[in-house]
Amino acid sequence: MTAAKRFAGAAGAVYLLVVVVAAIVQVSVHAGIDVPGTANADAQDSGAGSTLPAVTRDADVSMAVSFLLVGVTLYLLFRHVDRRTAAAPVVYLAVGVGLLVVNLLFHHAALLAPSASSTGGLGAQSVNGLVSMLLDLSDRGYTVAGAALGLCLLPLGSMAYRSSRLPRVSRAGFDGGCYPPEE
């Protein structure tokens, strides 16, 4: 097995891990968070264990690190095309992963705010507003992080099109029919 096939297989396996972990976390945890004091939040609190935020945090961080590893692996796969262009997706992924980690801080602060003893003299309405704001920041931050992560596809598509390591049929899909077929 050549080094290129190993890198391609590793990138595919790690990306599959990212997709599975992200889907599990999004479906099971992130989608079910509500503002405290509502009926949904009260039902969620009654069945939630104290380990849920820790498991969610660990899954999110492992997903972010794995996503960065995908970028490094793709760099190793496509560096023969152009080193600078191959480094661009890694930079975009590093920025996107950094934004994801900042969003995780907002998200987990929203999970911890209702039970934190440091809320001091804040009333229930203030805590609800704080949680609402943190969840809104997290939601908007995921949109910004998604844009940064999506930008990595531009140089990646260019390199995949120019690479000799992909089958001709796969490369043709990247150009969108803009270029005449190679002879």
C-alpha atoms as a PDB file:
ATOM      1  CA  MET A   1       0.000   0.000   0.000  1.00  0.00           C
ATOM      2  CA  THR A   2       1.422   3.369  -0.976  1.00  0.00           C
ATOM      3  CA  ALA A   3       1.731   6.292   1.394  1.00  0.00           C
ATOM      4  CA  ALA A   4      -0.944   8.204  -0.560  1.00  0.00           C
ATOM      5  CA  LYS A   5      -3.452   5.389  -0.083  1.00  0.00           C
ATOM      6  CA  ARG A   6      -2.656   5.248   3.627  1.00  0.00           C
ATOM      7  CA  PHE A   7      -3.207   9.016   3.960  1.00  0.00           C
ATOM      8  CA  ALA A   8      -6.428   8.833   1.976  1.00  0.00           C
ATOM      9  CA  GLY A   9      -7.695   5.956   4.098  1.00  0.00           C
ATOM     10  CA  ALA A  10      -6.695   7.710   7.320  1.00  0.00           C
ATOM     11  CA  ALA A  11      -8.396  10.941   6.235  1.00  0.00           C
ATOM     12  CA  GLY A  12     -11.565   9.052   5.357  1.00  0.00           C
ATOM     13  CA  ALA A  13     -11.600   7.120   8.633  1.00  0.00           C
ATOM     14  CA  VAL A  14     -11.002  10.184  10.790  1.00  0.00           C
ATOM     15  CA  TYR A  15     -13.615  12.178   8.857  1.00  0.00           C
ATOM     16  CA  LEU A  16     -16.117   9.357   9.396  1.00  0.00           C
ATOM     17  CA  LEU A  17     -15.316   9.508  13.125  1.00  0.00           C
ATOM     18  CA  VAL A  18     -15.945  13.274  13.080  1.00  0.00           C
ATOM     19  CA  VAL A  19     -19.307  12.832  11.362  1.00  0.00           C
ATOM     20  CA  VAL A  20     -20.485  10.080  13.723  1.00  0.00           C
ATOM     21  CA  VAL A  21     -19.413  11.869  16.915  1.00  0.00           C
ATOM     22  CA  ALA A  22     -20.837  15.204  15.732  1.00  0.00           C
ATOM     23  CA  ALA A  23     -24.157  13.617  14.785  1.00  0.00           C
ATOM     24  CA  ILE A  24     -24.497  11.856  18.129  1.00  0.00           C
ATOM     25  CA  VAL A  25     -23.696  15.002  20.093  1.00  0.00           C
ATOM     26  CA  GLN A  26     -25.964  17.243  18.001  1.00  0.00           C
ATOM     27  CA  VAL A  27     -28.945  14.887  18.109  1.00  0.00           C
ATOM     28  CA  SER A  28     -28.676  13.725  21.697  1.00  0.00           C
ATOM     29  CA  VAL A  29     -27.508  16.790  23.566  1.00  0.00           C
ATOM     30  CA  HIS A  30     -27.262  20.101  21.734  1.00  0.00           C
ATOM     31  CA  ALA A  31     -30.735  19.987  20.239  1.00  0.00           C
ATOM     32  CA  GLY A  32     -32.366  19.301  23.604  1.00  0.00           C
ATOM     33  CA  ILE A  33     -31.117  22.295  25.600  1.00  0.00           C
ATOM     34  CA  ASP A  34     -33.776  24.778  26.611  1.00  0.00           C
ATOM     35  CA  VAL A  35     -33.975  27.897  28.734  1.00  0.00           C
ATOM     36  CA  PRO A  36     -34.450  27.004  32.418  1.00  0.00           C
ATOM     37  CA  GLY A  37     -37.919  27.459  33.836  1.00  0.00           C
ATOM     38  CA  THR A  38     -39.733  26.220  30.754  1.00  0.00           C
ATOM     39  CA  ALA A  39     -41.596  22.926  30.622  1.00  0.00           C
ATOM     40  CA  ASN A  40     -39.017  21.347  28.286  1.00  0.00           C
ATOM     41  CA  ALA A  41     -36.114  22.357  30.508  1.00  0.00           C
ATOM     42  CA  ASP A  42     -37.819  21.038  33.653  1.00  0.00           C
ATOM     43  CA  ALA A  43     -38.430  17.689  31.963  1.00  0.00           C
ATOM     44  CA  GLN A  44     -34.830  17.655  30.730  1.00  0.00           C
ATOM     45  CA  ASP A  45     -33.441  18.411  34.200  1.00  0.00           C
ATOM     46  CA  SER A  46     -35.435  15.641  35.839  1.00  0.00           C
ATOM     47  CA  GLY A  47     -33.826  12.946  33.668  1.00  0.00           C
ATOM     48  CA  ALA A  48     -30.383  14.412  33.115  1.00  0.00           C
ATOM     49  CA  GLY A  49     -27.402  13.045  34.960  1.00  0.00           C
ATOM     50  CA  SER A  50     -24.540  15.143  36.203  1.00  0.00           C
ATOM     51  CA  THR A  51     -22.139  13.463  33.763  1.00  0.00           C
ATOM     52  CA  LEU A  52     -23.969  14.697  30.648  1.00  0.00           C
ATOM     53  CA  PRO A  53     -22.106  18.032  30.348  1.00  0.00           C
ATOM     54  CA  ALA A  54     -18.748  16.282  30.800  1.00  0.00           C
ATOM     55  CA  VAL A  55     -19.544  13.634  28.184  1.00  0.00           C
ATOM     56  CA  THR A  56     -20.763  16.309  25.776  1.00  0.00           C
ATOM     57  CA  ARG A  57     -17.669  18.433  26.332  1.00  0.00           C
ATOM     58  CA  ASP A  58     -15.338  15.485  25.788  1.00  0.00           C
ATOM     59  CA  ALA A  59     -17.167  14.399  22.630  1.00  0.00           C
ATOM     60  CA  ASP A  60     -17.110  17.943  21.240  1.00  0.00           C
ATOM     61  CA  VAL A  61     -13.407  18.425  21.934  1.00  0.00           C
ATOM     62  CA  SER A  62     -12.533  15.024  20.427  1.00  0.00           C
ATOM     63  CA  MET A  63     -14.598  15.920  17.355  1.00  0.00           C
ATOM     64  CA  ALA A  64     -12.766  19.246  16.970  1.00  0.00           C
ATOM     65  CA  VAL A  65      -9.331  17.655  17.329  1.00  0.00           C
ATOM     66  CA  SER A  66     -10.287  14.894  14.887  1.00  0.00           C
ATOM     67  CA  PHE A  67     -11.455  17.487  12.372  1.00  0.00           C
ATOM     68  CA  LEU A  68      -8.079  19.208  12.596  1.00  0.00           C
ATOM     69  CA  LEU A  69      -6.387  15.834  12.065  1.00  0.00           C
ATOM     70  CA  VAL A  70      -8.439  15.431   8.882  1.00  0.00           C
ATOM     71  CA  GLY A  71      -6.945  18.680   7.613  1.00  0.00           C
ATOM     72  CA  VAL A  72      -3.395  17.619   8.415  1.00  0.00           C
ATOM     73  CA  THR A  73      -3.949  14.255   6.745  1.00  0.00           C
ATOM     74  CA  LEU A  74      -5.371  15.928   3.633  1.00  0.00           C
ATOM     75  CA  TYR A  75      -2.332  18.226   3.590  1.00  0.00           C
ATOM     76  CA  LEU A  76      -0.087  15.168   3.551  1.00  0.00           C
ATOM     77  CA  LEU A  77      -2.192  13.695   0.758  1.00  0.00           C
ATOM     78  CA  PHE A  78      -2.215  16.781  -1.496  1.00  0.00           C
ATOM     79  CA  ARG A  79       1.109  18.479  -0.775  1.00  0.00           C
ATOM     80  CA  HIS A  80       2.510  17.082  -4.028  1.00  0.00           C
ATOM     81  CA  VAL A  81       0.136  19.382  -5.951  1.00  0.00           C
ATOM     82  CA  ASP A  82       1.126  22.660  -4.272  1.00  0.00           C
ATOM     83  CA  ARG A  83       2.363  23.041  -0.713  1.00  0.00           C
ATOM     84  CA  ARG A  84       0.837  26.488  -0.154  1.00  0.00           C
ATOM     85  CA  THR A  85      -2.534  25.510  -1.538  1.00  0.00           C
ATOM     86  CA  ALA A  86      -2.414  22.299   0.500  1.00  0.00           C
ATOM     87  CA  ALA A  87      -1.717  24.333   3.650  1.00  0.00           C
ATOM     88  CA  ALA A  88      -4.721  26.640   3.120  1.00  0.00           C
ATOM     89  CA  PRO A  89      -7.372  24.086   4.196  1.00  0.00           C
ATOM     90  CA  VAL A  90      -5.358  23.369   7.341  1.00  0.00           C
ATOM     91  CA  VAL A  91      -5.365  27.082   8.203  1.00  0.00           C
ATOM     92  CA  TYR A  92      -9.119  27.367   7.575  1.00  0.00           C
ATOM     93  CA  LEU A  93      -9.751  24.238   9.642  1.00  0.00           C
ATOM     94  CA  ALA A  94      -7.571  25.558  12.480  1.00  0.00           C
ATOM     95  CA  VAL A  95      -9.556  28.812  12.536  1.00  0.00           C
ATOM     96  CA  GLY A  96     -12.854  26.913  12.323  1.00  0.00           C
ATOM     97  CA  VAL A  97     -11.861  24.517  15.106  1.00  0.00           C
ATOM     98  CA  GLY A  98     -10.823  27.467  17.262  1.00  0.00           C
ATOM     99  CA  LEU A  99     -14.228  29.042  16.713  1.00  0.00           C
ATOM    100  CA  LEU A 100     -15.909  25.724  17.551  1.00  0.00           C
ATOM    101  CA  VAL A 101     -14.028  25.557  20.842  1.00  0.00           C
ATOM    102  CA  VAL A 102     -15.098  29.118  21.714  1.00  0.00           C
ATOM    103  CA  ASN A 103     -18.687  28.104  20.923  1.00  0.00           C
ATOM    104  CA  LEU A 104     -18.294  25.133  23.238  1.00  0.00           C
ATOM    105  CA  LEU A 105     -17.442  27.561  26.032  1.00  0.00           C
ATOM    106  CA  PHE A 106     -20.684  29.459  25.415  1.00  0.00           C
ATOM    107  CA  HIS A 107     -22.651  26.234  25.189  1.00  0.00           C
ATOM    108  CA  HIS A 108     -21.269  24.708  28.370  1.00  0.00           C
ATOM    109  CA  ALA A 109     -21.587  27.993  30.239  1.00  0.00           C
ATOM    110  CA  ALA A 110     -25.282  27.880  29.336  1.00  0.00           C
ATOM    111  CA  LEU A 111     -25.465  24.353  30.759  1.00  0.00           C
ATOM    112  CA  LEU A 112     -23.730  25.345  33.975  1.00  0.00           C
ATOM    113  CA  ALA A 113     -25.310  28.778  34.578  1.00  0.00           C
ATOM    114  CA  PRO A 114     -28.582  27.609  36.164  1.00  0.00           C
ATOM    115  CA  SER A 115     -26.810  25.405  38.694  1.00  0.00           C
ATOM    116  CA  ALA A 116     -23.800  27.633  39.370  1.00  0.00           C
ATOM    117  CA  SER A 117     -23.491  28.880  42.919  1.00  0.00           C
ATOM    118  CA  SER A 118     -21.700  31.963  41.584  1.00  0.00           C
ATOM    119  CA  THR A 119     -24.909  33.491  40.209  1.00  0.00           C
ATOM    120  CA  GLY A 120     -25.086  35.375  43.485  1.00  0.00           C
ATOM    121  CA  GLY A 121     -28.060  37.661  43.660  1.00  0.00           C
ATOM    122  CA  LEU A 122     -29.293  36.992  40.145  1.00  0.00           C
ATOM    123  CA  GLY A 123     -32.941  36.130  39.993  1.00  0.00           C
ATOM    124  CA  ALA A 124     -34.468  33.366  37.929  1.00  0.00           C
ATOM    125  CA  GLN A 125     -35.372  35.796  35.169  1.00  0.00           C
ATOM    126  CA  SER A 126     -31.778  37.066  34.934  1.00  0.00           C
ATOM    127  CA  VAL A 127     -30.373  33.538  34.831  1.00  0.00           C
ATOM    128  CA  ASN A 128     -32.891  32.621  32.094  1.00  0.00           C
ATOM    129  CA  GLY A 129     -31.813  35.677  30.117  1.00  0.00           C
ATOM    130  CA  LEU A 130     -28.153  34.776  30.573  1.00  0.00           C
ATOM    131  CA  VAL A 131     -28.722  31.197  29.403  1.00  0.00           C
ATOM    132  CA  SER A 132     -30.754  32.450  26.450  1.00  0.00           C
ATOM    133  CA  MET A 133     -27.983  34.846  25.459  1.00  0.00           C
ATOM    134  CA  LEU A 134     -25.256  32.187  25.787  1.00  0.00           C
ATOM    135  CA  LEU A 135     -27.229  29.717  23.660  1.00  0.00           C
ATOM    136  CA  ASP A 136     -27.852  32.428  21.067  1.00  0.00           C
ATOM    137  CA  LEU A 137     -24.123  33.266  20.970  1.00  0.00           C
ATOM    138  CA  SER A 138     -23.325  29.583  20.578  1.00  0.00           C
ATOM    139  CA  ASP A 139     -25.837  29.211  17.745  1.00  0.00           C
ATOM    140  CA  ARG A 140     -24.532  32.264  15.875  1.00  0.00           C
ATOM    141  CA  GLY A 141     -20.964  31.159  16.490  1.00  0.00           C
ATOM    142  CA  TYR A 142     -21.627  27.789  14.891  1.00  0.00           C
ATOM    143  CA  THR A 143     -22.733  29.650  11.756  1.00  0.00           C
ATOM    144  CA  VAL A 144     -19.475  31.625  11.667  1.00  0.00           C
ATOM    145  CA  ALA A 145     -17.422  28.490  12.372  1.00  0.00           C
ATOM    146  CA  GLY A 146     -19.295  26.680   9.599  1.00  0.00           C
ATOM    147  CA  ALA A 147     -18.322  29.423   7.160  1.00  0.00           C
ATOM    148  CA  ALA A 148     -14.657  29.106   8.148  1.00  0.00           C
ATOM    149  CA  LEU A 149     -14.817  25.330   7.887  1.00  0.00           C
ATOM    150  CA  GLY A 150     -16.565  25.583   4.526  1.00  0.00           C
ATOM    151  CA  LEU A 151     -13.846  27.847   3.130  1.00  0.00           C
ATOM    152  CA  CYS A 152     -11.412  24.954   3.351  1.00  0.00           C
ATOM    153  CA  LEU A 153     -13.348  23.258   0.554  1.00  0.00           C
ATOM    154  CA  LEU A 154     -12.274  25.832  -2.063  1.00  0.00           C
ATOM    155  CA  PRO A 155      -8.539  25.038  -2.093  1.00  0.00           C
ATOM    156  CA  LEU A 156      -9.298  21.396  -1.359  1.00  0.00           C
ATOM    157  CA  GLY A 157     -11.472  21.114  -4.470  1.00  0.00           C
ATOM    158  CA  SER A 158      -8.805  22.827  -6.552  1.00  0.00           C
ATOM    159  CA  MET A 159      -6.145  20.410  -5.347  1.00  0.00           C
ATOM    160  CA  ALA A 160      -8.383  17.393  -5.818  1.00  0.00           C
ATOM    161  CA  TYR A 161      -9.042  18.481  -9.395  1.00  0.00           C
ATOM    162  CA  ARG A 162      -5.325  18.904 -10.139  1.00  0.00           C
ATOM    163  CA  SER A 163      -4.199  15.813  -8.273  1.00  0.00           C
ATOM    164  CA  SER A 164      -3.196  12.680 -10.098  1.00  0.00           C
ATOM    165  CA  ARG A 165      -4.037  10.605  -7.038  1.00  0.00           C
ATOM    166  CA  LEU A 166      -7.775  10.745  -7.607  1.00  0.00           C
ATOM    167  CA  PRO A 167      -9.605   8.916 -10.372  1.00  0.00           C
ATOM    168  CA  ARG A 168     -10.483  10.970 -13.447  1.00  0.00           C
ATOM    169  CA  VAL A 169     -14.213  10.638 -12.737  1.00  0.00           C
ATOM    170  CA  SER A 170     -13.816  12.055  -9.220  1.00  0.00           C
ATOM    171  CA  ARG A 171     -11.721  14.957 -10.466  1.00  0.00           C
ATOM    172  CA  ALA A 172     -14.303  15.810 -13.123  1.00  0.00           C
ATOM    173  CA  GLY A 173     -16.926  16.292 -10.414  1.00  0.00           C
ATOM    174  CA  PHE A 174     -14.918  19.102  -8.828  1.00  0.00           C
ATOM    175  CA  ASP A 175     -14.911  21.366 -11.872  1.00  0.00           C
ATOM    176  CA  GLY A 176     -18.694  21.440 -12.241  1.00  0.00           C
ATOM    177  CA  GLY A 177     -18.409  20.844 -15.990  1.00  0.00           C
ATOM    178  CA  CYS A 178     -16.523  24.112 -16.543  1.00  0.00           C
ATOM    179  CA  TYR A 179     -13.464  22.612 -18.179  1.00  0.00           C
ATOM    180  CA  PRO A 180     -13.220  20.383 -21.254  1.00  0.00           C
ATOM    181  CA  PRO A 181     -12.269  16.782 -20.524  1.00  0.00           C
ATOM    182  CA  GLU A 182      -8.561  16.006 -20.483  1.00  0.00           C
ATOM    183  CA  GLU A 183      -7.209  13.959 -23.362  1.00  0.00           C
END
